[in-house]
N, C-alpha and C. Protein backbone atom coordinates (compact mmCIF):
# COMPACT_ATOMS: atom_id res chain seq x y z
N UNK A 1 48.78 3.43 -50.54
CA UNK A 1 49.13 3.73 -49.36
C UNK A 1 47.72 4.58 -48.70
N UNK A 2 46.99 3.70 -47.56
CA UNK A 2 46.06 4.16 -47.30
C UNK A 2 45.62 5.34 -46.17
N UNK A 3 44.45 5.87 -46.38
CA UNK A 3 44.30 7.37 -45.68
C UNK A 3 44.13 7.11 -44.10
N UNK A 4 44.86 7.71 -43.66
CA UNK A 4 44.50 7.50 -42.13
C UNK A 4 43.37 8.65 -41.51
N UNK A 5 42.51 7.84 -41.24
CA UNK A 5 41.55 8.54 -41.01
C UNK A 5 41.00 9.42 -39.05
N UNK A 6 40.62 10.06 -39.19
CA UNK A 6 40.32 10.96 -37.73
C UNK A 6 39.39 10.12 -36.97
N UNK A 7 38.97 9.84 -35.78
CA UNK A 7 37.88 9.45 -35.35
C UNK A 7 36.65 9.26 -35.93
N UNK A 8 35.75 10.82 -36.00
CA UNK A 8 34.67 11.03 -36.88
C UNK A 8 34.65 10.41 -38.31
N UNK A 9 35.79 10.31 -38.66
CA UNK A 9 35.88 9.97 -40.14
C UNK A 9 36.00 8.32 -40.13
N UNK A 10 36.67 7.97 -39.59
CA UNK A 10 36.49 6.24 -39.19
C UNK A 10 35.09 5.53 -39.03
N UNK A 11 34.49 6.67 -37.84
CA UNK A 11 33.07 6.16 -37.61
C UNK A 11 32.03 6.03 -38.51
N UNK A 12 32.10 7.06 -39.42
CA UNK A 12 31.21 6.98 -40.66
C UNK A 12 31.76 5.70 -41.90
N UNK A 13 33.07 5.75 -42.11
CA UNK A 13 33.60 4.86 -42.87
C UNK A 13 32.84 3.30 -41.95
N UNK A 14 33.11 2.81 -40.71
CA UNK A 14 32.20 1.80 -40.56
C UNK A 14 30.86 1.86 -40.61
N UNK A 15 30.35 2.38 -40.46
CA UNK A 15 28.92 2.88 -40.77
C UNK A 15 28.39 2.59 -42.41
N UNK A 16 29.08 3.08 -43.51
CA UNK A 16 29.11 3.29 -44.92
C UNK A 16 29.32 1.05 -44.89
N UNK A 17 30.52 0.49 -44.26
CA UNK A 17 30.79 -0.74 -44.53
C UNK A 17 29.82 -1.56 -44.00
N UNK A 18 29.28 -1.12 -42.88
CA UNK A 18 27.76 -1.94 -42.48
C UNK A 18 26.89 -2.39 -43.40
N UNK A 19 26.31 -0.85 -43.70
CA UNK A 19 25.28 -0.94 -44.60
C UNK A 19 25.37 -1.37 -45.85
N UNK A 20 26.75 -0.99 -46.89
CA UNK A 20 26.99 -1.90 -48.29
C UNK A 20 27.52 -3.12 -47.94
N UNK A 21 27.75 -3.93 -46.99
CA UNK A 21 27.63 -5.53 -46.78
C UNK A 21 26.05 -6.09 -46.83
N UNK A 22 25.25 -5.52 -46.13
CA UNK A 22 23.86 -5.49 -46.29
C UNK A 22 23.14 -5.69 -47.72
N UNK A 23 23.72 -4.57 -48.55
CA UNK A 23 23.12 -4.51 -49.70
C UNK A 23 23.69 -5.32 -50.60
N UNK A 24 25.31 -5.75 -50.51
CA UNK A 24 25.87 -6.89 -50.95
C UNK A 24 25.47 -8.24 -50.91
N UNK A 25 25.01 -8.75 -49.43
CA UNK A 25 24.65 -10.35 -49.31
C UNK A 25 23.38 -10.12 -50.34
N UNK A 26 22.13 -9.12 -50.13
CA UNK A 26 20.92 -9.18 -51.03
C UNK A 26 21.41 -9.33 -52.79
N UNK A 27 22.57 -8.41 -52.92
CA UNK A 27 22.78 -8.65 -54.62
C UNK A 27 23.21 -9.87 -54.85
N UNK A 28 23.51 -10.49 -53.89
CA UNK A 28 24.75 -11.74 -54.09
C UNK A 28 23.58 -13.38 -54.51
N UNK A 29 22.67 -12.50 -53.47
CA UNK A 29 21.00 -13.81 -53.88
C UNK A 29 20.13 -13.35 -54.91
N UNK A 30 19.93 -11.85 -55.52
CA UNK A 30 19.95 -11.09 -56.57
C UNK A 30 18.09 -10.85 -55.63
N UNK A 31 17.74 -10.53 -54.36
CA UNK A 31 16.88 -9.95 -53.78
C UNK A 31 16.90 -8.72 -53.48
N UNK A 32 16.57 -7.52 -54.09
CA UNK A 32 16.91 -5.99 -53.27
C UNK A 32 15.50 -5.41 -53.19
N UNK A 33 15.22 -5.11 -52.02
CA UNK A 33 14.15 -4.83 -51.13
C UNK A 33 14.16 -3.10 -50.96
N UNK A 34 13.52 -2.84 -50.44
CA UNK A 34 13.17 -1.75 -50.09
C UNK A 34 14.44 -1.49 -48.69
N UNK A 35 14.26 -2.13 -47.70
CA UNK A 35 15.27 -2.05 -46.79
C UNK A 35 17.02 -2.04 -47.38
N UNK A 36 17.19 -2.80 -48.60
CA UNK A 36 18.44 -2.59 -48.98
C UNK A 36 18.69 -0.95 -49.67
N UNK A 37 17.60 -0.70 -50.89
CA UNK A 37 17.69 0.45 -51.12
C UNK A 37 17.77 1.45 -49.91
N UNK A 38 16.99 1.50 -49.12
CA UNK A 38 17.40 2.74 -47.62
C UNK A 38 18.70 2.42 -47.10
N UNK A 39 19.62 0.97 -46.95
CA UNK A 39 21.01 0.78 -46.55
C UNK A 39 21.91 1.96 -47.61
N UNK A 40 21.76 1.76 -49.02
CA UNK A 40 22.70 2.38 -49.89
C UNK A 40 22.18 4.16 -49.89
N UNK A 41 20.98 4.57 -49.79
CA UNK A 41 21.14 5.45 -49.29
C UNK A 41 21.67 6.34 -48.22
N UNK A 42 21.67 5.61 -46.94
CA UNK A 42 21.99 5.73 -45.80
C UNK A 42 23.60 5.76 -45.98
N UNK A 43 23.93 4.97 -46.86
CA UNK A 43 25.40 4.75 -47.07
C UNK A 43 26.12 5.83 -47.74
N UNK A 44 25.52 6.28 -48.81
CA UNK A 44 25.82 7.24 -49.73
C UNK A 44 25.47 8.67 -48.79
N UNK A 45 24.88 8.82 -48.14
CA UNK A 45 24.56 10.07 -47.17
C UNK A 45 26.12 10.29 -46.53
N UNK A 46 26.23 8.91 -45.77
CA UNK A 46 27.47 9.39 -45.20
C UNK A 46 29.00 9.19 -45.88
N UNK A 47 28.51 8.78 -47.18
CA UNK A 47 29.74 8.89 -47.95
C UNK A 47 30.10 10.34 -48.37
N UNK A 48 29.50 10.89 -48.32
CA UNK A 48 29.03 12.55 -48.48
C UNK A 48 29.69 13.17 -47.98
N UNK A 49 29.39 13.05 -46.89
CA UNK A 49 29.81 13.59 -45.38
C UNK A 49 31.52 13.22 -45.05
N UNK A 50 31.77 12.34 -45.35
CA UNK A 50 33.43 11.50 -45.28
C UNK A 50 34.02 12.17 -46.29
N UNK A 51 33.02 12.24 -47.60
CA UNK A 51 34.09 12.86 -48.37
C UNK A 51 34.66 14.84 -47.92
N UNK A 52 33.31 15.13 -47.58
CA UNK A 52 33.49 16.64 -47.23
C UNK A 52 34.46 16.66 -46.30
N UNK A 53 34.44 15.80 -45.33
CA UNK A 53 35.44 15.73 -44.33
C UNK A 53 37.23 15.71 -44.67
N UNK A 54 37.31 14.69 -45.55
CA UNK A 54 38.40 14.12 -46.15
C UNK A 54 38.88 15.67 -47.30
N UNK A 55 38.11 16.57 -47.82
CA UNK A 55 38.39 17.44 -48.77
C UNK A 55 38.70 18.43 -47.72
N UNK A 56 38.18 18.55 -46.66
CA UNK A 56 38.55 19.67 -45.94
C UNK A 56 39.93 19.72 -44.85
N UNK A 57 40.47 18.90 -45.00
CA UNK A 57 41.98 18.17 -44.69
C UNK A 57 43.09 17.55 -45.72
N UNK A 58 42.38 18.11 -46.85
CA UNK A 58 43.25 18.26 -48.41
C UNK A 58 43.69 16.67 -48.90
N UNK A 59 42.73 15.77 -48.29
CA UNK A 59 42.50 14.63 -49.03
C UNK A 59 41.38 13.79 -49.77
N UNK A 60 40.94 15.18 -50.70
CA UNK A 60 40.15 14.56 -51.05
C UNK A 60 39.57 13.31 -52.09
N UNK A 61 39.21 12.85 -51.93
CA UNK A 61 38.57 11.30 -52.58
C UNK A 61 38.73 11.11 -53.69
N UNK A 62 39.58 10.47 -55.05
CA UNK A 62 39.66 10.37 -56.42
C UNK A 62 38.55 9.68 -57.00
N UNK A 63 37.75 9.98 -58.12
CA UNK A 63 37.36 8.67 -58.53
C UNK A 63 37.35 8.82 -59.74
N UNK A 64 37.53 7.88 -60.69
CA UNK A 64 37.61 7.39 -62.25
C UNK A 64 36.76 8.67 -62.99
N UNK A 65 37.06 8.57 -64.28
CA UNK A 65 36.54 10.03 -64.97
C UNK A 65 35.83 9.34 -65.43
N UNK A 66 35.22 8.24 -65.80
CA UNK A 66 34.05 7.19 -66.36
C UNK A 66 33.09 7.43 -65.16
N UNK A 67 33.72 7.20 -64.00
CA UNK A 67 32.42 7.28 -62.80
C UNK A 67 31.92 8.47 -62.69
N UNK A 68 32.47 9.69 -62.80
CA UNK A 68 32.09 10.93 -62.95
C UNK A 68 30.92 11.39 -64.01
N UNK A 69 31.56 10.92 -65.01
CA UNK A 69 30.56 10.90 -66.19
C UNK A 69 28.98 10.53 -66.37
N UNK A 70 29.30 8.56 -65.61
CA UNK A 70 28.40 8.15 -65.93
C UNK A 70 27.60 8.88 -64.29
N UNK A 71 27.53 9.10 -63.35
CA UNK A 71 26.91 9.94 -62.39
C UNK A 71 26.35 11.29 -63.02
N UNK A 72 27.07 11.93 -64.13
CA UNK A 72 26.66 13.36 -63.97
C UNK A 72 26.50 14.18 -62.96
N UNK A 73 27.53 14.25 -62.04
CA UNK A 73 27.63 15.19 -60.77
C UNK A 73 29.10 14.88 -60.26
N UNK A 74 29.86 16.54 -60.07
CA UNK A 74 30.85 16.03 -59.14
C UNK A 74 30.64 15.33 -57.96
N UNK A 75 31.95 14.78 -57.74
CA UNK A 75 32.05 13.92 -56.42
C UNK A 75 31.26 14.55 -54.60
N UNK A 76 32.15 15.95 -55.12
CA UNK A 76 31.42 16.52 -53.68
C UNK A 76 29.72 16.89 -53.96
N UNK A 77 29.36 16.66 -54.84
CA UNK A 77 27.58 16.79 -54.70
C UNK A 77 27.01 15.75 -54.04
N UNK A 78 26.10 16.30 -53.24
CA UNK A 78 25.25 15.21 -52.23
C UNK A 78 24.49 13.82 -52.59
N UNK A 79 24.57 14.21 -54.20
CA UNK A 79 23.99 13.36 -54.97
C UNK A 79 24.96 12.17 -55.36
N UNK A 80 25.86 12.59 -55.69
CA UNK A 80 27.07 11.72 -56.25
C UNK A 80 27.27 10.28 -55.60
N UNK A 81 27.06 10.35 -54.31
CA UNK A 81 26.92 8.74 -53.61
C UNK A 81 25.69 8.17 -53.32
N UNK A 82 24.75 8.80 -53.97
CA UNK A 82 23.59 7.89 -53.58
C UNK A 82 23.40 6.68 -54.75
N UNK A 83 24.48 5.58 -54.76
CA UNK A 83 24.12 4.61 -55.74
C UNK A 83 25.63 3.81 -55.54
N UNK A 84 25.56 2.25 -55.98
CA UNK A 84 26.24 1.45 -55.13
C UNK A 84 27.90 1.86 -55.38
N UNK A 85 28.31 2.45 -56.61
CA UNK A 85 29.49 1.74 -56.98
C UNK A 85 30.34 3.05 -56.81
N UNK A 86 29.85 4.51 -56.55
CA UNK A 86 30.89 5.16 -56.01
C UNK A 86 31.29 4.96 -54.89
N UNK A 87 30.33 4.64 -54.30
CA UNK A 87 30.48 4.16 -52.94
C UNK A 87 31.68 3.12 -52.46
N UNK A 88 31.67 2.57 -53.35
CA UNK A 88 32.57 1.47 -53.31
C UNK A 88 33.89 1.48 -53.72
N UNK A 89 33.64 3.00 -54.63
CA UNK A 89 34.92 3.86 -54.81
C UNK A 89 35.55 3.89 -53.84
N UNK A 90 34.95 4.85 -53.21
CA UNK A 90 35.27 5.93 -52.02
C UNK A 90 35.80 4.69 -51.27
N UNK A 91 35.35 3.33 -51.04
CA UNK A 91 36.37 2.72 -49.54
C UNK A 91 37.44 2.27 -50.65
N UNK A 92 37.56 1.99 -51.66
CA UNK A 92 38.95 1.52 -52.21
C UNK A 92 39.47 2.39 -52.16
N UNK A 93 39.62 4.05 -52.20
CA UNK A 93 40.27 5.00 -51.81
C UNK A 93 40.70 4.89 -50.61
N UNK A 94 39.85 4.99 -49.57
CA UNK A 94 40.47 4.79 -48.42
C UNK A 94 41.49 3.80 -48.14
N UNK A 95 41.53 2.43 -48.49
CA UNK A 95 42.56 1.62 -48.44
C UNK A 95 43.49 1.93 -49.36
N UNK A 96 43.48 2.70 -50.27
CA UNK A 96 44.84 2.98 -51.70
C UNK A 96 44.14 4.21 -52.01
N UNK A 97 45.09 4.98 -52.02
CA UNK A 97 44.53 7.11 -52.35
C UNK A 97 45.02 6.44 -53.91
N UNK A 98 45.73 5.71 -54.80
CA UNK A 98 45.65 5.55 -55.97
C UNK A 98 44.65 4.30 -56.94
N UNK A 99 44.09 4.09 -55.91
CA UNK A 99 42.76 2.97 -56.47
C UNK A 99 42.29 3.23 -57.51
N UNK A 100 41.93 4.96 -57.56
CA UNK A 100 40.90 5.00 -58.64
C UNK A 100 41.33 6.00 -59.41
N UNK A 101 42.63 5.87 -59.60
CA UNK A 101 43.72 6.44 -60.64
C UNK A 101 43.30 6.18 -61.98
N UNK A 102 43.06 6.91 -63.04
CA UNK A 102 42.39 6.66 -64.15
C UNK A 102 43.67 5.98 -65.33
N UNK A 103 43.40 4.80 -65.90
CA UNK A 103 44.67 4.00 -66.43
C UNK A 103 45.35 4.88 -67.77
N UNK A 104 46.28 4.96 -67.95
CA UNK A 104 47.00 5.58 -69.21
C UNK A 104 46.11 5.18 -70.11
N UNK A 105 45.70 6.07 -71.46
CA UNK A 105 45.34 5.52 -72.70
C UNK A 105 46.23 5.39 -73.31
N UNK A 106 46.33 3.69 -73.59
CA UNK A 106 47.57 2.98 -74.46
C UNK A 106 47.60 2.96 -75.93
N UNK A 107 46.46 3.18 -76.51
CA UNK A 107 46.51 3.06 -77.95
C UNK A 107 46.33 4.32 -78.87
N UNK A 108 46.22 5.78 -78.36
CA UNK A 108 46.54 6.60 -79.00
C UNK A 108 47.52 6.86 -79.74
N UNK A 109 46.80 7.08 -81.07
CA UNK A 109 48.14 6.82 -82.10
C UNK A 109 48.62 5.63 -82.95
N UNK A 110 47.71 4.53 -82.29
CA UNK A 110 48.05 3.17 -82.54
C UNK A 110 47.19 2.83 -83.92
N UNK A 111 47.80 1.78 -84.78
CA UNK A 111 47.02 1.69 -86.06
C UNK A 111 46.43 0.33 -86.00
N UNK A 112 45.39 0.16 -86.49
CA UNK A 112 44.77 -1.29 -86.42
C UNK A 112 44.18 -1.63 -87.54
N UNK A 113 44.00 -3.01 -87.70
CA UNK A 113 43.12 -3.19 -89.28
C UNK A 113 41.73 -3.52 -88.98
N UNK A 114 41.10 -3.51 -89.97
CA UNK A 114 39.60 -4.08 -89.75
C UNK A 114 38.86 -4.91 -91.15
N UNK A 115 39.20 -5.94 -91.02
CA UNK A 115 38.81 -6.63 -92.59
C UNK A 115 37.62 -7.50 -92.42
N UNK A 116 36.65 -7.34 -93.74
CA UNK A 116 35.52 -7.42 -94.14
C UNK A 116 35.49 -8.51 -95.45
N UNK A 117 34.36 -9.16 -95.49
CA UNK A 117 34.06 -9.82 -96.87
C UNK A 117 33.43 -8.67 -97.64
N UNK A 118 33.99 -9.04 -99.29
CA UNK A 118 33.26 -7.87 -99.73
C UNK A 118 32.03 -8.85 -100.29
N UNK A 119 30.47 -7.89 -100.50
CA UNK A 119 29.77 -8.41 -101.01
C UNK A 119 30.10 -9.13 -102.68
N UNK A 120 30.60 -8.38 -103.35
CA UNK A 120 30.73 -8.88 -104.42
C UNK A 120 32.33 -9.43 -104.97
N UNK A 121 32.57 -10.76 -105.22
CA UNK A 121 33.77 -11.09 -105.08
C UNK A 121 34.20 -11.62 -104.04
N UNK A 122 35.96 -12.62 -103.90
CA UNK A 122 36.31 -13.10 -102.75
C UNK A 122 37.61 -11.86 -102.28
N UNK A 123 37.66 -11.26 -102.44
CA UNK A 123 38.79 -10.33 -101.76
C UNK A 123 38.40 -9.51 -100.82
N UNK A 124 38.95 -10.00 -99.90
CA UNK A 124 38.72 -9.15 -98.31
C UNK A 124 38.99 -7.76 -98.94
N UNK A 125 38.25 -7.06 -97.52
CA UNK A 125 38.72 -5.30 -97.62
C UNK A 125 39.11 -4.87 -96.58
N UNK A 126 40.32 -4.35 -96.19
CA UNK A 126 41.32 -4.23 -95.21
C UNK A 126 40.86 -2.38 -95.00
N UNK A 127 40.37 -2.44 -94.04
CA UNK A 127 40.27 -0.81 -93.47
C UNK A 127 41.48 -0.65 -92.38
N UNK A 128 42.20 0.60 -93.06
CA UNK A 128 43.35 1.14 -91.82
C UNK A 128 42.72 2.10 -91.01
N UNK A 129 43.04 1.58 -89.65
CA UNK A 129 42.37 2.60 -88.66
C UNK A 129 43.34 2.82 -87.41
N UNK A 130 43.10 4.02 -87.76
CA UNK A 130 44.18 4.69 -86.70
C UNK A 130 43.50 5.48 -85.33
N UNK A 131 43.54 4.98 -84.04
CA UNK A 131 42.94 5.71 -83.19
C UNK A 131 43.25 7.35 -82.45
N UNK A 132 42.23 8.39 -82.56
CA UNK A 132 42.89 9.50 -82.21
C UNK A 132 42.07 10.33 -81.36
N UNK A 133 42.92 11.35 -80.87
CA UNK A 133 42.25 11.99 -80.09
C UNK A 133 40.99 11.93 -79.96
N UNK A 134 40.22 12.46 -80.89
CA UNK A 134 39.03 12.96 -81.23
C UNK A 134 37.93 11.49 -81.76
N UNK A 135 38.88 10.62 -82.07
CA UNK A 135 37.86 9.37 -83.26
C UNK A 135 38.80 8.47 -83.38
N UNK A 136 38.75 8.31 -84.61
CA UNK A 136 39.21 7.45 -85.75
C UNK A 136 39.85 7.99 -86.87
N UNK A 137 40.85 7.59 -87.62
CA UNK A 137 41.21 7.88 -88.85
C UNK A 137 41.31 6.54 -89.48
N UNK A 138 40.20 6.63 -90.39
CA UNK A 138 39.76 5.38 -91.08
C UNK A 138 40.33 5.67 -92.78
N UNK A 139 40.99 4.89 -93.15
CA UNK A 139 41.19 4.97 -94.91
C UNK A 139 40.57 3.25 -95.74
N UNK A 140 40.80 3.76 -96.79
CA UNK A 140 40.53 2.37 -97.66
C UNK A 140 40.47 2.60 -98.85
N UNK A 141 41.94 2.12 -99.72
CA UNK A 141 42.36 2.48 -101.15
C UNK A 141 41.93 4.18 -101.15
N UNK A 142 41.09 4.67 -101.60
CA UNK A 142 41.02 6.27 -102.08
C UNK A 142 40.26 7.29 -100.83
N UNK A 143 39.58 6.17 -100.35
CA UNK A 143 38.99 7.23 -99.28
C UNK A 143 39.06 7.28 -98.21
N UNK A 144 38.87 8.71 -97.05
CA UNK A 144 39.17 8.41 -95.47
C UNK A 144 39.64 9.33 -95.16
N UNK A 145 40.00 9.25 -93.86
CA UNK A 145 40.07 10.67 -93.38
C UNK A 145 39.41 10.52 -91.63
N UNK A 146 39.67 11.75 -90.83
CA UNK A 146 39.43 11.61 -89.81
C UNK A 146 37.78 11.85 -89.16
N UNK A 147 37.95 10.59 -88.58
CA UNK A 147 36.22 10.10 -87.99
C UNK A 147 35.81 10.73 -86.58
N UNK A 148 34.46 10.42 -86.25
CA UNK A 148 34.68 10.70 -84.95
C UNK A 148 34.51 9.05 -84.13
N UNK A 149 34.30 9.41 -83.06
CA UNK A 149 34.30 8.06 -82.20
C UNK A 149 33.47 6.95 -82.72
N UNK A 150 32.37 7.13 -83.46
CA UNK A 150 31.23 6.06 -83.94
C UNK A 150 31.51 5.94 -85.25
N UNK A 151 32.98 6.37 -86.23
CA UNK A 151 33.33 5.82 -87.62
C UNK A 151 32.73 6.75 -88.38
N UNK A 152 31.73 7.56 -88.24
CA UNK A 152 31.08 8.34 -89.29
C UNK A 152 32.48 9.44 -89.60
N UNK A 153 32.52 10.07 -90.47
CA UNK A 153 32.07 9.69 -92.13
C UNK A 153 32.14 8.61 -92.67
N UNK A 154 33.40 7.97 -92.33
CA UNK A 154 33.94 7.56 -93.31
C UNK A 154 34.10 5.82 -93.84
N UNK A 155 33.92 5.04 -92.51
CA UNK A 155 33.79 4.18 -92.23
C UNK A 155 32.77 3.29 -93.15
N UNK A 156 31.49 3.99 -93.13
CA UNK A 156 29.96 3.80 -93.25
C UNK A 156 30.22 4.50 -95.20
N UNK A 157 30.93 5.32 -95.56
CA UNK A 157 31.15 5.59 -96.92
C UNK A 157 31.83 5.16 -97.49
N UNK A 158 32.70 4.62 -97.07
CA UNK A 158 33.36 3.04 -97.41
C UNK A 158 32.52 1.86 -97.69
N UNK A 159 31.88 1.24 -96.64
CA UNK A 159 30.54 0.40 -96.72
C UNK A 159 30.30 0.80 -97.75
N UNK A 160 29.10 1.57 -98.12
CA UNK A 160 28.18 1.70 -99.21
C UNK A 160 28.50 2.04 -100.48
N UNK A 161 30.16 2.14 -100.67
CA UNK A 161 31.11 2.00 -101.84
C UNK A 161 31.03 1.14 -102.04
N UNK A 162 31.75 -0.33 -101.23
CA UNK A 162 32.15 -1.58 -101.03
C UNK A 162 30.49 -2.37 -101.22
N UNK A 163 29.70 -2.22 -101.33
CA UNK A 163 28.29 -2.79 -101.24
C UNK A 163 28.56 -3.78 -99.78
N UNK A 164 29.19 -3.31 -98.51
CA UNK A 164 28.95 -3.77 -97.31
C UNK A 164 28.09 -3.72 -96.47
N UNK A 165 27.61 -5.02 -96.40
CA UNK A 165 25.71 -4.70 -95.38
C UNK A 165 26.28 -4.75 -94.02
N UNK A 166 25.90 -3.81 -93.44
CA UNK A 166 26.87 -3.73 -91.91
C UNK A 166 25.32 -3.51 -90.66
N UNK A 167 25.71 -4.07 -89.43
CA UNK A 167 24.56 -3.86 -88.66
C UNK A 167 24.28 -2.76 -88.08
N UNK A 168 23.09 -2.22 -88.18
CA UNK A 168 22.46 -0.64 -87.69
C UNK A 168 22.82 -0.09 -86.70
N UNK A 169 23.46 -1.05 -85.35
CA UNK A 169 23.88 -0.33 -84.34
C UNK A 169 25.29 -0.25 -84.39
N UNK A 170 26.39 -0.73 -85.09
CA UNK A 170 27.62 -0.63 -85.25
C UNK A 170 28.17 0.69 -84.97
N UNK A 171 27.53 1.68 -85.46
CA UNK A 171 28.44 2.76 -85.09
C UNK A 171 28.66 3.19 -83.75
N UNK A 172 27.24 2.87 -82.83
CA UNK A 172 27.56 2.74 -81.10
C UNK A 172 28.53 1.98 -80.64
N UNK A 173 28.52 0.94 -81.51
CA UNK A 173 29.78 -0.17 -80.82
C UNK A 173 31.00 0.50 -81.25
N UNK A 174 31.36 1.02 -82.15
CA UNK A 174 32.47 1.63 -82.55
C UNK A 174 33.19 2.43 -81.23
N UNK A 175 32.05 3.82 -80.91
CA UNK A 175 31.92 4.84 -79.93
C UNK A 175 32.48 4.21 -78.63
N UNK A 176 31.61 2.91 -78.02
CA UNK A 176 31.68 2.48 -76.72
C UNK A 176 33.07 1.53 -77.18
N UNK A 177 33.82 1.09 -77.99
CA UNK A 177 34.77 0.76 -78.06
C UNK A 177 36.11 1.51 -77.67
N UNK A 178 35.88 2.74 -78.17
CA UNK A 178 36.71 4.32 -78.35
C UNK A 178 36.76 4.53 -76.71
N UNK A 179 35.49 4.81 -76.02
CA UNK A 179 35.47 5.00 -74.84
C UNK A 179 36.17 4.15 -73.95
N UNK A 180 36.36 2.77 -74.14
CA UNK A 180 36.67 1.59 -73.09
C UNK A 180 38.23 1.70 -73.25
N UNK A 181 38.28 2.20 -74.49
CA UNK A 181 40.06 2.33 -74.66
C UNK A 181 40.42 3.05 -73.80
N UNK A 182 39.93 4.39 -73.83
CA UNK A 182 40.21 5.77 -72.88
C UNK A 182 39.92 5.40 -71.97
N UNK A 183 38.87 5.31 -71.26
CA UNK A 183 38.71 5.14 -69.60
C UNK A 183 39.37 3.91 -68.72
N UNK A 184 39.74 2.51 -69.55
CA UNK A 184 40.10 1.40 -69.17
C UNK A 184 41.18 1.19 -69.37
N UNK A 185 42.01 2.01 -70.64
CA UNK A 185 43.11 1.45 -70.80
C UNK A 185 43.69 0.53 -71.41
N UNK A 186 42.47 0.25 -72.46
CA UNK A 186 42.54 -1.35 -73.07
C UNK A 186 43.84 -1.26 -73.96
N UNK A 187 44.76 -2.73 -73.76
CA UNK A 187 46.18 -2.35 -74.91
C UNK A 187 45.75 -2.30 -76.27
N UNK A 188 46.77 -2.87 -76.81
CA UNK A 188 46.72 -2.62 -78.64
C UNK A 188 46.00 -4.01 -78.81
N UNK A 189 46.42 -5.31 -78.18
CA UNK A 189 45.89 -6.32 -78.39
C UNK A 189 43.91 -6.50 -77.98
N UNK A 190 43.70 -5.88 -76.96
CA UNK A 190 42.34 -5.90 -76.63
C UNK A 190 41.41 -4.90 -77.72
N UNK A 191 42.15 -3.89 -78.34
CA UNK A 191 41.32 -3.10 -79.01
C UNK A 191 41.37 -3.75 -80.66
N UNK A 192 42.81 -4.54 -81.22
CA UNK A 192 42.51 -5.28 -82.17
C UNK A 192 41.36 -6.20 -81.90
N UNK A 193 41.69 -7.09 -80.69
CA UNK A 193 40.93 -8.00 -81.06
C UNK A 193 39.04 -7.85 -81.09
N UNK A 194 38.64 -6.84 -80.33
CA UNK A 194 37.41 -6.38 -80.50
C UNK A 194 37.06 -5.43 -81.90
N UNK A 195 38.09 -5.09 -82.61
CA UNK A 195 37.44 -4.96 -84.14
C UNK A 195 37.57 -6.04 -84.66
N UNK A 196 38.22 -6.86 -84.50
CA UNK A 196 37.97 -8.10 -84.99
C UNK A 196 36.33 -8.84 -85.07
N UNK A 197 36.10 -8.71 -83.76
CA UNK A 197 34.84 -9.14 -83.32
C UNK A 197 33.79 -8.46 -84.13
N UNK A 198 33.85 -7.18 -84.12
CA UNK A 198 33.12 -6.20 -84.72
C UNK A 198 33.14 -6.77 -86.52
N UNK A 199 34.02 -6.84 -86.78
CA UNK A 199 34.31 -7.23 -88.22
C UNK A 199 33.56 -8.41 -88.32
N UNK A 200 33.96 -9.34 -87.63
CA UNK A 200 32.84 -10.71 -87.49
C UNK A 200 31.53 -10.47 -87.99
N UNK A 201 31.04 -9.80 -86.87
CA UNK A 201 29.71 -9.10 -86.95
C UNK A 201 29.06 -8.71 -88.11
N UNK A 202 29.89 -8.02 -88.51
CA UNK A 202 30.09 -7.29 -90.15
C UNK A 202 29.87 -8.54 -91.04
N UNK A 203 30.74 -9.23 -91.15
CA UNK A 203 30.31 -10.24 -92.06
C UNK A 203 29.03 -11.54 -91.87
N UNK A 204 29.32 -11.67 -90.33
CA UNK A 204 27.66 -12.50 -90.41
C UNK A 204 26.76 -11.69 -91.00
N UNK A 205 26.48 -10.70 -90.70
CA UNK A 205 25.09 -9.80 -91.36
C UNK A 205 25.19 -9.99 -92.85
N UNK A 206 25.95 -9.80 -93.41
CA UNK A 206 26.84 -9.82 -95.04
C UNK A 206 26.31 -11.03 -95.36
N UNK A 207 26.32 -12.31 -94.80
CA UNK A 207 26.31 -13.62 -94.96
C UNK A 207 24.42 -13.66 -95.01
N UNK A 208 23.76 -13.22 -94.39
CA UNK A 208 22.65 -13.57 -94.39
C UNK A 208 22.08 -12.47 -94.98
N UNK A 209 22.68 -11.68 -95.90
CA UNK A 209 21.68 -10.70 -96.63
C UNK A 209 21.70 -11.87 -98.30
N UNK A 210 20.32 -11.61 -98.64
CA UNK A 210 20.32 -12.29 -99.66
C UNK A 210 20.86 -11.79 -101.07
N UNK A 211 21.49 -12.94 -102.30
CA UNK A 211 22.34 -12.34 -103.11
C UNK A 211 21.81 -13.12 -104.48
N UNK A 212 21.28 -14.13 -104.01
CA UNK A 212 21.02 -15.52 -105.47
C UNK A 212 19.14 -15.19 -105.79
N UNK A 213 18.88 -15.68 -106.95
CA UNK A 213 17.96 -15.48 -107.36
C UNK A 213 17.57 -14.43 -107.88
N UNK A 214 15.99 -13.87 -107.33
CA UNK A 214 15.47 -12.49 -107.40
C UNK A 214 16.34 -11.56 -107.20
N UNK A 215 17.72 -11.52 -106.43
CA UNK A 215 18.52 -10.73 -106.20
C UNK A 215 19.54 -10.37 -106.86
N UNK A 216 19.71 -11.47 -107.62
CA UNK A 216 21.33 -11.45 -108.72
C UNK A 216 21.21 -9.97 -109.09
N UNK A 217 22.13 -9.13 -109.12
CA UNK A 217 22.43 -8.00 -109.94
C UNK A 217 22.04 -6.71 -109.02
N UNK A 218 21.58 -6.76 -107.91
CA UNK A 218 21.12 -5.71 -107.18
C UNK A 218 22.18 -5.62 -106.50
N UNK A 219 22.32 -4.09 -106.35
CA UNK A 219 23.46 -3.32 -105.89
C UNK A 219 22.93 -1.95 -105.21
């Protein structure tokens, strides 16, 4: 359901749209100039005024949790709207008050598999991973337990025990995936496929590690 605007609110909305349309045209051709930055600033200032008017009559605009986190400001702060994306979300809210509702977290408690190649031998290693409220539960054979969103400590302790070579930024990717699952309501298949992509990355890293010649016997 769209928000019914009063006259002063409707004027602000139209002024915001006018300036946002100008910036979008520049974005489309990859030419952002001072005039576009000024347009976004002016749109943001008007967006703040509109936000406060709506809040005053009990229709405070909603924003996704990740938008608030990224801006590091509350939506009623004058600086919150000085960026293209929160202004876009405000316009979406005016058309549909549920447009910025956060998706349900679909995969809390879900169990996944993370299969990588062992450095020695041909047996694949499968880690059992459960997504939890605070990160992941990760197990492989005898070692495992609660981990943070980046997979520390047990994913990497298992890798060290099993001689698995892994990319240096893998923990960052695990944390990103956990946050995306929460903020965007990723499905089970989306999370499992993403974990498979990370496992393939690990396998590729291990494939390029030297294991023959002078490296034989290294562990």
